Amino acid sequence: MADPITFDDFMKVDIRVGKVLRAAEYPEARKPAIKMWIDFGPEIGERKTSAQVTAHYSPESLVGKQVMGVVNFSPRQIGKFMSEVLVLGLADETGGIVLLSPDQDVPLGERMV
C-alpha cells in the first residue's frame, strides 16, 4: 500500500471522463500500443494519448468508448507521439490492461469525485 495522502493531495489529480473520437495502431512504439484522440468536453477539449491496451482492445473497439483520464499531467513524448493525457486502467491476471470507464454514459469532462 502507498503512503497515506490528504484529500487535498487527491484533489490535485484531475481525473475526467472523455470519449474516444478516433484511434489508430502505433507500430513505432517499443511495446504494442494504440494512439487515441479523446474528447474531454468543452472546458478541456480534445487530448491525445498512447496506451498499451492491445491485449483487450483494437482501435475500432475504442471509438465511442468513454474512458477515465488524468488531464493535468504535463505532456510526455512517447516515441514520435506527444501524449497529453494519461488514460487509467487495471491489469488483468495476465498483465493486459483493462481501461477504467463509467458503467453509464456521463457528460464529457465530468470530474471524478
PDB file of N, CA and C in Angstrom:
ATOM      1  N   MET A   1       0.842  -1.177   0.000  1.00  0.00           N
ATOM      2  CA  MET A   1       0.000   0.000   0.000  1.00  0.00           C
ATOM      3  C   MET A   1       0.889   1.244   0.000  1.00  0.00           C
ATOM      4  N   ALA A   2       0.459   2.266  -0.734  1.00  0.00           N
ATOM      5  CA  ALA A   2       1.202   3.522  -0.801  1.00  0.00           C
ATOM      6  C   ALA A   2       1.022   4.322   0.487  1.00  0.00           C
ATOM      7  N   ASP A   3       1.877   5.314   0.669  1.00  0.00           N
ATOM      8  CA  ASP A   3       1.768   6.191   1.835  1.00  0.00           C
ATOM      9  C   ASP A   3       0.440   6.944   1.801  1.00  0.00           C
ATOM     10  N   PRO A   4      -0.134   7.214   2.970  1.00  0.00           N
ATOM     11  CA  PRO A   4      -1.392   7.966   3.022  1.00  0.00           C
ATOM     12  C   PRO A   4      -1.226   9.375   2.447  1.00  0.00           C
ATOM     13  N   ILE A   5      -2.287   9.870   1.830  1.00  0.00           N
ATOM     14  CA  ILE A   5      -2.314  11.245   1.328  1.00  0.00           C
ATOM     15  C   ILE A   5      -3.539  11.938   1.919  1.00  0.00           C
ATOM     16  N   THR A   6      -3.566  13.248   1.796  1.00  0.00           N
ATOM     17  CA  THR A   6      -4.718  14.008   2.267  1.00  0.00           C
ATOM     18  C   THR A   6      -5.733  14.143   1.133  1.00  0.00           C
ATOM     19  N   PHE A   7      -6.929  14.560   1.475  1.00  0.00           N
ATOM     20  CA  PHE A   7      -7.948  14.815   0.454  1.00  0.00           C
ATOM     21  C   PHE A   7      -7.476  15.904  -0.502  1.00  0.00           C
ATOM     22  N   ASP A   8      -6.792  16.924   0.027  1.00  0.00           N
ATOM     23  CA  ASP A   8      -6.261  17.986  -0.835  1.00  0.00           C
ATOM     24  C   ASP A   8      -5.257  17.421  -1.840  1.00  0.00           C
ATOM     25  N   ASP A   9      -4.433  16.454  -1.418  1.00  0.00           N
ATOM     26  CA  ASP A   9      -3.498  15.803  -2.346  1.00  0.00           C
ATOM     27  C   ASP A   9      -4.273  15.109  -3.465  1.00  0.00           C
ATOM     28  N   PHE A  10      -5.325  14.383  -3.091  1.00  0.00           N
ATOM     29  CA  PHE A  10      -6.137  13.671  -4.076  1.00  0.00           C
ATOM     30  C   PHE A  10      -6.759  14.637  -5.079  1.00  0.00           C
ATOM     31  N   MET A  11      -7.230  15.773  -4.602  1.00  0.00           N
ATOM     32  CA  MET A  11      -7.900  16.736  -5.478  1.00  0.00           C
ATOM     33  C   MET A  11      -6.953  17.395  -6.471  1.00  0.00           C
ATOM     34  N   LYS A  12      -5.659  17.277  -6.257  1.00  0.00           N
ATOM     35  CA  LYS A  12      -4.687  17.811  -7.217  1.00  0.00           C
ATOM     36  C   LYS A  12      -4.671  16.995  -8.501  1.00  0.00           C
ATOM     37  N   VAL A  13      -5.099  15.743  -8.435  1.00  0.00           N
ATOM     38  CA  VAL A  13      -5.141  14.870  -9.611  1.00  0.00           C
ATOM     39  C   VAL A  13      -6.490  15.070 -10.288  1.00  0.00           C
ATOM     40  N   ASP A  14      -6.477  15.646 -11.474  1.00  0.00           N
ATOM     41  CA  ASP A  14      -7.707  15.985 -12.196  1.00  0.00           C
ATOM     42  C   ASP A  14      -8.084  14.818 -13.125  1.00  0.00           C
ATOM     43  N   ILE A  15      -8.989  13.977 -12.650  1.00  0.00           N
ATOM     44  CA  ILE A  15      -9.423  12.791 -13.400  1.00  0.00           C
ATOM     45  C   ILE A  15     -10.789  13.085 -14.005  1.00  0.00           C
ATOM     46  N   ARG A  16     -10.879  12.991 -15.330  1.00  0.00           N
ATOM     47  CA  ARG A  16     -12.109  13.328 -16.048  1.00  0.00           C
ATOM     48  C   ARG A  16     -12.505  12.191 -16.981  1.00  0.00           C
ATOM     49  N   VAL A  17     -13.776  12.229 -17.387  1.00  0.00           N
ATOM     50  CA  VAL A  17     -14.262  11.268 -18.371  1.00  0.00           C
ATOM     51  C   VAL A  17     -14.197  11.901 -19.759  1.00  0.00           C
ATOM     52  N   GLY A  18     -13.770  11.104 -20.708  1.00  0.00           N
ATOM     53  CA  GLY A  18     -13.719  11.544 -22.095  1.00  0.00           C
ATOM     54  C   GLY A  18     -14.227  10.446 -23.003  1.00  0.00           C
ATOM     55  N   LYS A  19     -14.456  10.801 -24.251  1.00  0.00           N
ATOM     56  CA  LYS A  19     -14.950   9.848 -25.245  1.00  0.00           C
ATOM     57  C   LYS A  19     -13.917   9.730 -26.363  1.00  0.00           C
ATOM     58  N   VAL A  20     -13.536   8.498 -26.680  1.00  0.00           N
ATOM     59  CA  VAL A  20     -12.549   8.272 -27.730  1.00  0.00           C
ATOM     60  C   VAL A  20     -13.180   8.631 -29.081  1.00  0.00           C
ATOM     61  N   LEU A  21     -12.597   9.633 -29.746  1.00  0.00           N
ATOM     62  CA  LEU A  21     -13.088  10.080 -31.046  1.00  0.00           C
ATOM     63  C   LEU A  21     -12.522   9.246 -32.189  1.00  0.00           C
ATOM     64  N   ARG A  22     -11.226   8.945 -32.092  1.00  0.00           N
ATOM     65  CA  ARG A  22     -10.578   8.100 -33.091  1.00  0.00           C
ATOM     66  C   ARG A  22      -9.394   7.415 -32.431  1.00  0.00           C
ATOM     67  N   ALA A  23      -8.972   6.322 -33.042  1.00  0.00           N
ATOM     68  CA  ALA A  23      -7.860   5.541 -32.508  1.00  0.00           C
ATOM     69  C   ALA A  23      -7.119   4.882 -33.660  1.00  0.00           C
ATOM     70  N   ALA A  24      -5.841   4.652 -33.459  1.00  0.00           N
ATOM     71  CA  ALA A  24      -5.016   4.046 -34.510  1.00  0.00           C
ATOM     72  C   ALA A  24      -3.910   3.219 -33.879  1.00  0.00           C
ATOM     73  N   GLU A  25      -3.503   2.184 -34.578  1.00  0.00           N
ATOM     74  CA  GLU A  25      -2.362   1.401 -34.123  1.00  0.00           C
ATOM     75  C   GLU A  25      -1.133   2.298 -34.076  1.00  0.00           C
ATOM     76  N   TYR A  26      -0.211   1.969 -33.194  1.00  0.00           N
ATOM     77  CA  TYR A  26       1.026   2.736 -33.048  1.00  0.00           C
ATOM     78  C   TYR A  26       2.206   1.784 -33.220  1.00  0.00           C
ATOM     79  N   PRO A  27       2.480   1.389 -34.470  1.00  0.00           N
ATOM     80  CA  PRO A  27       3.518   0.378 -34.721  1.00  0.00           C
ATOM     81  C   PRO A  27       4.936   0.840 -34.373  1.00  0.00           C
ATOM     82  N   GLU A  28       5.164   2.145 -34.290  1.00  0.00           N
ATOM     83  CA  GLU A  28       6.500   2.655 -33.955  1.00  0.00           C
ATOM     84  C   GLU A  28       6.818   2.534 -32.465  1.00  0.00           C
ATOM     85  N   ALA A  29       5.821   2.273 -31.630  1.00  0.00           N
ATOM     86  CA  ALA A  29       6.044   2.159 -30.183  1.00  0.00           C
ATOM     87  C   ALA A  29       6.894   0.933 -29.865  1.00  0.00           C
ATOM     88  N   ARG A  30       7.680   1.008 -28.783  1.00  0.00           N
ATOM     89  CA  ARG A  30       8.519  -0.127 -28.383  1.00  0.00           C
ATOM     90  C   ARG A  30       7.685  -1.338 -28.006  1.00  0.00           C
ATOM     91  N   LYS A  31       6.594  -1.107 -27.272  1.00  0.00           N
ATOM     92  CA  LYS A  31       5.650  -2.174 -26.917  1.00  0.00           C
ATOM     93  C   LYS A  31       4.353  -1.883 -27.663  1.00  0.00           C
ATOM     94  N   PRO A  32       3.588  -2.913 -28.037  1.00  0.00           N
ATOM     95  CA  PRO A  32       2.348  -2.682 -28.785  1.00  0.00           C
ATOM     96  C   PRO A  32       1.449  -1.666 -28.074  1.00  0.00           C
ATOM     97  N   ALA A  33       0.984  -0.678 -28.842  1.00  0.00           N
ATOM     98  CA  ALA A  33       0.179   0.398 -28.261  1.00  0.00           C
ATOM     99  C   ALA A  33      -0.837   0.901 -29.277  1.00  0.00           C
ATOM    100  N   ILE A  34      -1.779   1.679 -28.770  1.00  0.00           N
ATOM    101  CA  ILE A  34      -2.801   2.313 -29.597  1.00  0.00           C
ATOM    102  C   ILE A  34      -2.792   3.807 -29.289  1.00  0.00           C
ATOM    103  N   LYS A  35      -2.810   4.622 -30.342  1.00  0.00           N
ATOM    104  CA  LYS A  35      -2.942   6.067 -30.191  1.00  0.00           C
ATOM    105  C   LYS A  35      -4.433   6.391 -30.129  1.00  0.00           C
ATOM    106  N   MET A  36      -4.799   7.307 -29.231  1.00  0.00           N
ATOM    107  CA  MET A  36      -6.203   7.704 -29.093  1.00  0.00           C
ATOM    108  C   MET A  36      -6.321   9.218 -29.030  1.00  0.00           C
ATOM    109  N   TRP A  37      -7.391   9.731 -29.632  1.00  0.00           N
ATOM    110  CA  TRP A  37      -7.763  11.125 -29.538  1.00  0.00           C
ATOM    111  C   TRP A  37      -9.083  11.153 -28.779  1.00  0.00           C
ATOM    112  N   ILE A  38      -9.097  11.843 -27.632  1.00  0.00           N
ATOM    113  CA  ILE A  38     -10.211  11.762 -26.687  1.00  0.00           C
ATOM    114  C   ILE A  38     -10.806  13.149 -26.458  1.00  0.00           C
ATOM    115  N   ASP A  39     -12.130  13.233 -26.538  1.00  0.00           N
ATOM    116  CA  ASP A  39     -12.848  14.485 -26.274  1.00  0.00           C
ATOM    117  C   ASP A  39     -13.221  14.537 -24.798  1.00  0.00           C
ATOM    118  N   PHE A  40     -12.682  15.531 -24.078  1.00  0.00           N
ATOM    119  CA  PHE A  40     -12.987  15.723 -22.670  1.00  0.00           C
ATOM    120  C   PHE A  40     -13.962  16.864 -22.437  1.00  0.00           C
ATOM    121  N   GLY A  41     -14.770  17.186 -23.428  1.00  0.00           N
ATOM    122  CA  GLY A  41     -15.800  18.204 -23.269  1.00  0.00           C
ATOM    123  C   GLY A  41     -15.298  19.611 -23.542  1.00  0.00           C
ATOM    124  N   PRO A  42     -16.224  20.585 -23.458  1.00  0.00           N
ATOM    125  CA  PRO A  42     -15.897  21.950 -23.876  1.00  0.00           C
ATOM    126  C   PRO A  42     -14.834  22.647 -23.032  1.00  0.00           C
ATOM    127  N   GLU A  43     -14.718  22.327 -21.762  1.00  0.00           N
ATOM    128  CA  GLU A  43     -13.731  23.001 -20.902  1.00  0.00           C
ATOM    129  C   GLU A  43     -12.302  22.593 -21.241  1.00  0.00           C
ATOM    130  N   ILE A  44     -12.087  21.319 -21.551  1.00  0.00           N
ATOM    131  CA  ILE A  44     -10.739  20.788 -21.780  1.00  0.00           C
ATOM    132  C   ILE A  44     -10.468  20.542 -23.255  1.00  0.00           C
ATOM    133  N   GLY A  45     -11.462  20.050 -23.970  1.00  0.00           N
ATOM    134  CA  GLY A  45     -11.303  19.791 -25.399  1.00  0.00           C
ATOM    135  C   GLY A  45     -10.691  18.438 -25.691  1.00  0.00           C
ATOM    136  N   GLU A  46     -10.145  18.327 -26.875  1.00  0.00           N
ATOM    137  CA  GLU A  46      -9.564  17.065 -27.342  1.00  0.00           C
ATOM    138  C   GLU A  46      -8.118  16.942 -26.889  1.00  0.00           C
ATOM    139  N   ARG A  47      -7.787  15.762 -26.387  1.00  0.00           N
ATOM    140  CA  ARG A  47      -6.410  15.436 -25.989  1.00  0.00           C
ATOM    141  C   ARG A  47      -6.043  14.096 -26.612  1.00  0.00           C
ATOM    142  N   LYS A  48      -4.752  13.892 -26.835  1.00  0.00           N
ATOM    143  CA  LYS A  48      -4.301  12.630 -27.420  1.00  0.00           C
ATOM    144  C   LYS A  48      -3.402  11.887 -26.443  1.00  0.00           C
ATOM    145  N   THR A  49      -3.362  10.568 -26.630  1.00  0.00           N
ATOM    146  CA  THR A  49      -2.534   9.728 -25.785  1.00  0.00           C
ATOM    147  C   THR A  49      -2.150   8.454 -26.520  1.00  0.00           C
ATOM    148  N   SER A  50      -1.206   7.753 -25.975  1.00  0.00           N
ATOM    149  CA  SER A  50      -0.808   6.430 -26.450  1.00  0.00           C
ATOM    150  C   SER A  50      -0.881   5.499 -25.247  1.00  0.00           C
ATOM    151  N   ALA A  51      -1.480   4.330 -25.448  1.00  0.00           N
ATOM    152  CA  ALA A  51      -1.641   3.401 -24.327  1.00  0.00           C
ATOM    153  C   ALA A  51      -1.402   1.964 -24.775  1.00  0.00           C
ATOM    154  N   GLN A  52      -0.813   1.169 -23.897  1.00  0.00           N
ATOM    155  CA  GLN A  52      -0.537  -0.239 -24.168  1.00  0.00           C
ATOM    156  C   GLN A  52      -1.759  -1.066 -23.779  1.00  0.00           C
ATOM    157  N   VAL A  53      -2.796  -0.980 -24.612  1.00  0.00           N
ATOM    158  CA  VAL A  53      -4.077  -1.634 -24.312  1.00  0.00           C
ATOM    159  C   VAL A  53      -4.461  -2.657 -25.377  1.00  0.00           C
ATOM    160  N   THR A  54      -3.484  -3.128 -26.138  1.00  0.00           N
ATOM    161  CA  THR A  54      -3.779  -4.007 -27.275  1.00  0.00           C
ATOM    162  C   THR A  54      -4.238  -5.405 -26.878  1.00  0.00           C
ATOM    163  N   ALA A  55      -4.051  -5.802 -25.624  1.00  0.00           N
ATOM    164  CA  ALA A  55      -4.491  -7.137 -25.202  1.00  0.00           C
ATOM    165  C   ALA A  55      -6.009  -7.268 -25.238  1.00  0.00           C
ATOM    166  N   HIS A  56      -6.715  -6.170 -24.990  1.00  0.00           N
ATOM    167  CA  HIS A  56      -8.176  -6.237 -24.904  1.00  0.00           C
ATOM    168  C   HIS A  56      -8.911  -5.350 -25.904  1.00  0.00           C
ATOM    169  N   TYR A  57      -8.177  -4.482 -26.606  1.00  0.00           N
ATOM    170  CA  TYR A  57      -8.846  -3.511 -27.477  1.00  0.00           C
ATOM    171  C   TYR A  57      -8.168  -3.432 -28.833  1.00  0.00           C
ATOM    172  N   SER A  58      -8.970  -3.166 -29.844  1.00  0.00           N
ATOM    173  CA  SER A  58      -8.485  -2.783 -31.164  1.00  0.00           C
ATOM    174  C   SER A  58      -8.805  -1.304 -31.311  1.00  0.00           C
ATOM    175  N   PRO A  59      -8.170  -0.611 -32.244  1.00  0.00           N
ATOM    176  CA  PRO A  59      -8.539   0.794 -32.442  1.00  0.00           C
ATOM    177  C   PRO A  59     -10.044   0.964 -32.695  1.00  0.00           C
ATOM    178  N   GLU A  60     -10.629   0.081 -33.491  1.00  0.00           N
ATOM    179  CA  GLU A  60     -12.056   0.195 -33.827  1.00  0.00           C
ATOM    180  C   GLU A  60     -12.946   0.021 -32.600  1.00  0.00           C
ATOM    181  N   SER A  61     -12.562  -0.845 -31.677  1.00  0.00           N
ATOM    182  CA  SER A  61     -13.399  -1.088 -30.499  1.00  0.00           C
ATOM    183  C   SER A  61     -13.357   0.067 -29.505  1.00  0.00           C
ATOM    184  N   LEU A  62     -12.364   0.933 -29.612  1.00  0.00           N
ATOM    185  CA  LEU A  62     -12.235   2.049 -28.681  1.00  0.00           C
ATOM    186  C   LEU A  62     -13.059   3.269 -29.084  1.00  0.00           C
ATOM    187  N   VAL A  63     -13.302   3.433 -30.369  1.00  0.00           N
ATOM    188  CA  VAL A  63     -14.024   4.614 -30.845  1.00  0.00           C
ATOM    189  C   VAL A  63     -15.429   4.633 -30.244  1.00  0.00           C
ATOM    190  N   GLY A  64     -15.762   5.760 -29.605  1.00  0.00           N
ATOM    191  CA  GLY A  64     -17.063   5.920 -28.968  1.00  0.00           C
ATOM    192  C   GLY A  64     -17.077   5.515 -27.502  1.00  0.00           C
ATOM    193  N   LYS A  65     -16.010   4.899 -27.019  1.00  0.00           N
ATOM    194  CA  LYS A  65     -15.951   4.429 -25.625  1.00  0.00           C
ATOM    195  C   LYS A  65     -15.620   5.587 -24.687  1.00  0.00           C
ATOM    196  N   GLN A  66     -16.324   5.661 -23.553  1.00  0.00           N
ATOM    197  CA  GLN A  66     -15.972   6.617 -22.519  1.00  0.00           C
ATOM    198  C   GLN A  66     -14.868   6.017 -21.656  1.00  0.00           C
ATOM    199  N   VAL A  67     -13.833   6.819 -21.389  1.00  0.00           N
ATOM    200  CA  VAL A  67     -12.681   6.379 -20.599  1.00  0.00           C
ATOM    201  C   VAL A  67     -12.346   7.443 -19.565  1.00  0.00           C
ATOM    202  N   MET A  68     -11.651   7.035 -18.528  1.00  0.00           N
ATOM    203  CA  MET A  68     -11.201   7.957 -17.494  1.00  0.00           C
ATOM    204  C   MET A  68      -9.738   8.306 -17.751  1.00  0.00           C
ATOM    205  N   GLY A  69      -9.406   9.584 -17.546  1.00  0.00           N
ATOM    206  CA  GLY A  69      -8.036  10.003 -17.765  1.00  0.00           C
ATOM    207  C   GLY A  69      -7.611  11.144 -16.860  1.00  0.00           C
ATOM    208  N   VAL A  70      -6.321  11.181 -16.553  1.00  0.00           N
ATOM    209  CA  VAL A  70      -5.737  12.291 -15.801  1.00  0.00           C
ATOM    210  C   VAL A  70      -5.381  13.361 -16.822  1.00  0.00           C
ATOM    211  N   VAL A  71      -6.028  14.526 -16.697  1.00  0.00           N
ATOM    212  CA  VAL A  71      -5.860  15.568 -17.708  1.00  0.00           C
ATOM    213  C   VAL A  71      -4.873  16.656 -17.303  1.00  0.00           C
ATOM    214  N   ASN A  72      -4.335  16.602 -16.082  1.00  0.00           N
ATOM    215  CA  ASN A  72      -3.410  17.667 -15.674  1.00  0.00           C
ATOM    216  C   ASN A  72      -1.965  17.202 -15.505  1.00  0.00           C
ATOM    217  N   PHE A  73      -1.592  16.123 -16.178  1.00  0.00           N
ATOM    218  CA  PHE A  73      -0.183  15.761 -16.274  1.00  0.00           C
ATOM    219  C   PHE A  73       0.460  16.621 -17.350  1.00  0.00           C
ATOM    220  N   SER A  74       1.749  16.864 -17.216  1.00  0.00           N
ATOM    221  CA  SER A  74       2.478  17.548 -18.285  1.00  0.00           C
ATOM    222  C   SER A  74       2.556  16.619 -19.489  1.00  0.00           C
ATOM    223  N   PRO A  75       2.515  17.174 -20.714  1.00  0.00           N
ATOM    224  CA  PRO A  75       2.651  16.327 -21.905  1.00  0.00           C
ATOM    225  C   PRO A  75       3.947  15.525 -21.866  1.00  0.00           C
ATOM    226  N   ARG A  76       3.898  14.323 -22.451  1.00  0.00           N
ATOM    227  CA  ARG A  76       5.057  13.427 -22.434  1.00  0.00           C
ATOM    228  C   ARG A  76       5.282  12.867 -23.825  1.00  0.00           C
ATOM    229  N   GLN A  77       6.510  12.943 -24.286  1.00  0.00           N
ATOM    230  CA  GLN A  77       6.869  12.413 -25.598  1.00  0.00           C
ATOM    231  C   GLN A  77       6.995  10.899 -25.507  1.00  0.00           C
ATOM    232  N   ILE A  78       6.196  10.176 -26.323  1.00  0.00           N
ATOM    233  CA  ILE A  78       6.258   8.722 -26.399  1.00  0.00           C
ATOM    234  C   ILE A  78       6.690   8.400 -27.827  1.00  0.00           C
ATOM    235  N   GLY A  79       7.977   8.177 -28.021  1.00  0.00           N
ATOM    236  CA  GLY A  79       8.477   7.999 -29.377  1.00  0.00           C
ATOM    237  C   GLY A  79       8.285   9.290 -30.157  1.00  0.00           C
ATOM    238  N   LYS A  80       7.611   9.205 -31.299  1.00  0.00           N
ATOM    239  CA  LYS A  80       7.345  10.392 -32.123  1.00  0.00           C
ATOM    240  C   LYS A  80       5.981  10.999 -31.816  1.00  0.00           C
ATOM    241  N   PHE A  81       5.325  10.520 -30.768  1.00  0.00           N
ATOM    242  CA  PHE A  81       3.950  10.929 -30.453  1.00  0.00           C
ATOM    243  C   PHE A  81       3.923  11.642 -29.102  1.00  0.00           C
ATOM    244  N   MET A  82       3.275  12.819 -29.048  1.00  0.00           N
ATOM    245  CA  MET A  82       3.165  13.576 -27.798  1.00  0.00           C
ATOM    246  C   MET A  82       1.886  13.170 -27.073  1.00  0.00           C
ATOM    247  N   SER A  83       2.025  12.575 -25.893  1.00  0.00           N
ATOM    248  CA  SER A  83       0.881  12.158 -25.089  1.00  0.00           C
ATOM    249  C   SER A  83       0.487  13.306 -24.164  1.00  0.00           C
ATOM    250  N   GLU A  84      -0.807  13.676 -24.202  1.00  0.00           N
ATOM    251  CA  GLU A  84      -1.289  14.831 -23.444  1.00  0.00           C
ATOM    252  C   GLU A  84      -2.187  14.456 -22.273  1.00  0.00           C
ATOM    253  N   VAL A  85      -2.498  13.192 -22.121  1.00  0.00           N
ATOM    254  CA  VAL A  85      -3.386  12.725 -21.058  1.00  0.00           C
ATOM    255  C   VAL A  85      -2.985  11.291 -20.707  1.00  0.00           C
ATOM    256  N   LEU A  86      -3.232  10.884 -19.474  1.00  0.00           N
ATOM    257  CA  LEU A  86      -2.964   9.509 -19.055  1.00  0.00           C
ATOM    258  C   LEU A  86      -4.293   8.801 -18.851  1.00  0.00           C
ATOM    259  N   VAL A  87      -4.606   7.837 -19.730  1.00  0.00           N
ATOM    260  CA  VAL A  87      -5.824   7.061 -19.527  1.00  0.00           C
ATOM    261  C   VAL A  87      -5.561   6.063 -18.410  1.00  0.00           C
ATOM    262  N   LEU A  88      -6.615   5.734 -17.669  1.00  0.00           N
ATOM    263  CA  LEU A  88      -6.468   4.880 -16.495  1.00  0.00           C
ATOM    264  C   LEU A  88      -6.972   3.474 -16.769  1.00  0.00           C
ATOM    265  N   GLY A  89      -6.294   2.505 -16.220  1.00  0.00           N
ATOM    266  CA  GLY A  89      -6.688   1.123 -16.401  1.00  0.00           C
ATOM    267  C   GLY A  89      -6.129   0.252 -15.292  1.00  0.00           C
ATOM    268  N   LEU A  90      -6.542  -1.000 -15.339  1.00  0.00           N
ATOM    269  CA  LEU A  90      -6.095  -2.010 -14.382  1.00  0.00           C
ATOM    270  C   LEU A  90      -5.567  -3.212 -15.142  1.00  0.00           C
ATOM    271  N   ALA A  91      -4.566  -3.875 -14.579  1.00  0.00           N
ATOM    272  CA  ALA A  91      -4.020  -5.070 -15.215  1.00  0.00           C
ATOM    273  C   ALA A  91      -4.879  -6.283 -14.864  1.00  0.00           C
ATOM    274  N   ASP A  92      -5.152  -7.117 -15.871  1.00  0.00           N
ATOM    275  CA  ASP A  92      -5.846  -8.383 -15.608  1.00  0.00           C
ATOM    276  C   ASP A  92      -4.823  -9.407 -15.117  1.00  0.00           C
ATOM    277  N   GLU A  93      -5.246 -10.656 -14.971  1.00  0.00           N
ATOM    278  CA  GLU A  93      -4.363 -11.693 -14.416  1.00  0.00           C
ATOM    279  C   GLU A  93      -3.144 -11.989 -15.284  1.00  0.00           C
ATOM    280  N   THR A  94      -3.170 -11.609 -16.569  1.00  0.00           N
ATOM    281  CA  THR A  94      -2.015 -11.839 -17.436  1.00  0.00           C
ATOM    282  C   THR A  94      -1.239 -10.557 -17.732  1.00  0.00           C
ATOM    283  N   GLY A  95      -1.657  -9.449 -17.129  1.00  0.00           N
ATOM    284  CA  GLY A  95      -0.963  -8.180 -17.338  1.00  0.00           C
ATOM    285  C   GLY A  95      -1.569  -7.297 -18.405  1.00  0.00           C
ATOM    286  N   GLY A  96      -2.601  -7.770 -19.104  1.00  0.00           N
ATOM    287  CA  GLY A  96      -3.283  -6.947 -20.105  1.00  0.00           C
ATOM    288  C   GLY A  96      -4.065  -5.835 -19.425  1.00  0.00           C
ATOM    289  N   ILE A  97      -4.043  -4.660 -20.003  1.00  0.00           N
ATOM    290  CA  ILE A  97      -4.694  -3.508 -19.386  1.00  0.00           C
ATOM    291  C   ILE A  97      -6.162  -3.408 -19.805  1.00  0.00           C
ATOM    292  N   VAL A  98      -7.020  -3.242 -18.783  1.00  0.00           N
ATOM    293  CA  VAL A  98      -8.459  -3.021 -18.967  1.00  0.00           C
ATOM    294  C   VAL A  98      -8.719  -1.570 -18.572  1.00  0.00           C
ATOM    295  N   LEU A  99      -9.251  -0.785 -19.497  1.00  0.00           N
ATOM    296  CA  LEU A  99      -9.481   0.638 -19.244  1.00  0.00           C
ATOM    297  C   LEU A  99     -10.601   0.868 -18.240  1.00  0.00           C
ATOM    298  N   LEU A 100     -10.439   1.902 -17.417  1.00  0.00           N
ATOM    299  CA  LEU A 100     -11.490   2.310 -16.494  1.00  0.00           C
ATOM    300  C   LEU A 100     -12.491   3.183 -17.246  1.00  0.00           C
ATOM    301  N   SER A 101     -13.764   2.897 -17.063  1.00  0.00           N
ATOM    302  CA  SER A 101     -14.804   3.697 -17.712  1.00  0.00           C
ATOM    303  C   SER A 101     -16.066   3.629 -16.863  1.00  0.00           C
ATOM    304  N   PRO A 102     -16.903   4.680 -16.939  1.00  0.00           N
ATOM    305  CA  PRO A 102     -18.153   4.636 -16.177  1.00  0.00           C
ATOM    306  C   PRO A 102     -19.068   3.557 -16.734  1.00  0.00           C
ATOM    307  N   ASP A 103     -19.940   2.998 -15.873  1.00  0.00           N
ATOM    308  CA  ASP A 103     -20.847   1.956 -16.354  1.00  0.00           C
ATOM    309  C   ASP A 103     -22.125   2.539 -16.964  1.00  0.00           C
ATOM    310  N   GLN A 104     -22.243   3.866 -16.941  1.00  0.00           N
ATOM    311  CA  GLN A 104     -23.319   4.572 -17.633  1.00  0.00           C
ATOM    312  C   GLN A 104     -22.711   5.806 -18.280  1.00  0.00           C
ATOM    313  N   ASP A 105     -23.288   6.277 -19.389  1.00  0.00           N
ATOM    314  CA  ASP A 105     -22.778   7.488 -20.013  1.00  0.00           C
ATOM    315  C   ASP A 105     -22.965   8.672 -19.085  1.00  0.00           C
ATOM    316  N   VAL A 106     -21.938   9.496 -19.004  1.00  0.00           N
ATOM    317  CA  VAL A 106     -21.979  10.725 -18.223  1.00  0.00           C
ATOM    318  C   VAL A 106     -21.482  11.866 -19.113  1.00  0.00           C
ATOM    319  N   PRO A 107     -21.763  13.130 -18.747  1.00  0.00           N
ATOM    320  CA  PRO A 107     -21.318  14.247 -19.577  1.00  0.00           C
ATOM    321  C   PRO A 107     -19.803  14.250 -19.732  1.00  0.00           C
ATOM    322  N   LEU A 108     -19.337  14.516 -20.943  1.00  0.00           N
ATOM    323  CA  LEU A 108     -17.903  14.587 -21.210  1.00  0.00           C
ATOM    324  C   LEU A 108     -17.270  15.685 -20.370  1.00  0.00           C
ATOM    325  N   GLY A 109     -16.120  15.380 -19.795  1.00  0.00           N
ATOM    326  CA  GLY A 109     -15.411  16.334 -18.960  1.00  0.00           C
ATOM    327  C   GLY A 109     -15.795  16.263 -17.500  1.00  0.00           C
ATOM    328  N   GLU A 110     -16.779  15.429 -17.151  1.00  0.00           N
ATOM    329  CA  GLU A 110     -17.180  15.308 -15.746  1.00  0.00           C
ATOM    330  C   GLU A 110     -15.981  14.844 -14.924  1.00  0.00           C
ATOM    331  N   ARG A 111     -15.752  15.530 -13.800  1.00  0.00           N
ATOM    332  CA  ARG A 111     -14.605  15.206 -12.957  1.00  0.00           C
ATOM    333  C   ARG A 111     -14.954  14.110 -11.957  1.00  0.00           C
ATOM    334  N   MET A 112     -14.002  13.200 -11.755  1.00  0.00           N
ATOM    335  CA  MET A 112     -14.182  12.147 -10.768  1.00  0.00           C
ATOM    336  C   MET A 112     -14.126  12.768  -9.369  1.00  0.00           C
ATOM    337  N   VAL A 113     -15.104  12.389  -8.554  1.00  0.00           N
ATOM    338  CA  VAL A 113     -15.151  12.895  -7.178  1.00  0.00           C
ATOM    339  C   VAL A 113     -15.283  11.732  -6.217  1.00  0.00           C
TER     340      VAL A 113
END
